[in-house]
Amino acid sequence: MLTPGRYVGAPEAEADAEPLDAKMARLTATLKAQFAEGAQLEQRIAQNLARLGYEL
């Protein structure tokens, strides 16, 4: 068997006490906020490039 954990003693994963539904709701809300922030940053970068004469 070529599974590295078998030979190097990888630690067991800890059990997660957070329910899956709650975890997914939290993670998707975080991702949505990060997407919004990314869109704002992308717009600011495009504006800065336009001021320098480089249109996207």
C-alpha atoms as a PDB file:
ATOM      1  CA  MET A   1       0.000   0.000   0.000  1.00  0.00           C
ATOM      2  CA  LEU A   2       1.357   3.412  -0.919  1.00  0.00           C
ATOM      3  CA  THR A   3      -0.603   5.577   1.528  1.00  0.00           C
ATOM      4  CA  PRO A   4       1.988   7.852   3.210  1.00  0.00           C
ATOM      5  CA  GLY A   5       0.069   8.040   6.499  1.00  0.00           C
ATOM      6  CA  ARG A   6       0.524   4.326   6.913  1.00  0.00           C
ATOM      7  CA  TYR A   7       4.296   4.714   7.115  1.00  0.00           C
ATOM      8  CA  VAL A   8       4.845   8.119   8.725  1.00  0.00           C
ATOM      9  CA  GLY A   9       2.154   8.008  11.393  1.00  0.00           C
ATOM     10  CA  ALA A  10      -0.250  10.743  10.280  1.00  0.00           C
ATOM     11  CA  PRO A  11      -2.431  11.881  13.198  1.00  0.00           C
ATOM     12  CA  GLU A  12      -6.097  10.958  13.271  1.00  0.00           C
ATOM     13  CA  ALA A  13      -8.479  13.733  12.237  1.00  0.00           C
ATOM     14  CA  GLU A  14     -10.351  15.279  15.144  1.00  0.00           C
ATOM     15  CA  ALA A  15     -14.128  14.973  15.204  1.00  0.00           C
ATOM     16  CA  ASP A  16     -15.981  18.195  14.417  1.00  0.00           C
ATOM     17  CA  ALA A  17     -18.770  18.969  16.883  1.00  0.00           C
ATOM     18  CA  GLU A  18     -20.406  21.604  14.644  1.00  0.00           C
ATOM     19  CA  PRO A  19     -23.468  20.249  12.789  1.00  0.00           C
ATOM     20  CA  LEU A  20     -23.020  20.067   9.020  1.00  0.00           C
ATOM     21  CA  ASP A  21     -25.967  22.375   8.232  1.00  0.00           C
ATOM     22  CA  ALA A  22     -24.669  25.079  10.572  1.00  0.00           C
ATOM     23  CA  LYS A  23     -21.120  24.695   9.298  1.00  0.00           C
ATOM     24  CA  MET A  24     -22.168  24.959   5.646  1.00  0.00           C
ATOM     25  CA  ALA A  25     -24.320  28.033   6.386  1.00  0.00           C
ATOM     26  CA  ARG A  26     -21.380  29.697   8.153  1.00  0.00           C
ATOM     27  CA  LEU A  27     -18.886  28.801   5.429  1.00  0.00           C
ATOM     28  CA  THR A  28     -21.136  29.905   2.559  1.00  0.00           C
ATOM     29  CA  ALA A  29     -21.823  33.229   4.314  1.00  0.00           C
ATOM     30  CA  THR A  30     -18.075  33.743   4.714  1.00  0.00           C
ATOM     31  CA  LEU A  31     -17.487  32.865   1.073  1.00  0.00           C
ATOM     32  CA  LYS A  32     -20.219  35.266  -0.064  1.00  0.00           C
ATOM     33  CA  ALA A  33     -18.597  38.090   1.919  1.00  0.00           C
ATOM     34  CA  GLN A  34     -15.193  37.243   0.471  1.00  0.00           C
ATOM     35  CA  PHE A  35     -16.605  37.235  -3.075  1.00  0.00           C
ATOM     36  CA  ALA A  36     -18.121  40.690  -2.463  1.00  0.00           C
ATOM     37  CA  GLU A  37     -14.825  42.009  -1.117  1.00  0.00           C
ATOM     38  CA  GLY A  38     -12.993  40.496  -4.092  1.00  0.00           C
ATOM     39  CA  ALA A  39     -15.354  42.226  -6.522  1.00  0.00           C
ATOM     40  CA  GLN A  40     -14.772  45.578  -4.796  1.00  0.00           C
ATOM     41  CA  LEU A  41     -11.002  45.102  -4.915  1.00  0.00           C
ATOM     42  CA  GLU A  42     -11.159  44.096  -8.575  1.00  0.00           C
ATOM     43  CA  GLN A  43     -13.085  47.289  -9.352  1.00  0.00           C
ATOM     44  CA  ARG A  44     -10.567  49.433  -7.465  1.00  0.00           C
ATOM     45  CA  ILE A  45      -7.680  47.795  -9.322  1.00  0.00           C
ATOM     46  CA  ALA A  46      -9.399  48.409 -12.666  1.00  0.00           C
ATOM     47  CA  GLN A  47      -9.947  52.076 -11.721  1.00  0.00           C
ATOM     48  CA  ASN A  48      -6.305  52.493 -10.701  1.00  0.00           C
ATOM     49  CA  LEU A  49      -5.110  50.911 -13.934  1.00  0.00           C
ATOM     50  CA  ALA A  50      -7.447  53.165 -15.928  1.00  0.00           C
ATOM     51  CA  ARG A  51      -5.954  56.230 -14.230  1.00  0.00           C
ATOM     52  CA  LEU A  52      -2.546  55.004 -15.366  1.00  0.00           C
ATOM     53  CA  GLY A  53      -3.828  54.601 -18.918  1.00  0.00           C
ATOM     54  CA  TYR A  54      -4.273  50.837 -18.928  1.00  0.00           C
ATOM     55  CA  GLU A  55      -7.869  49.812 -19.611  1.00  0.00           C
ATOM     56  CA  LEU A  56      -8.942  46.240 -18.921  1.00  0.00           C
END
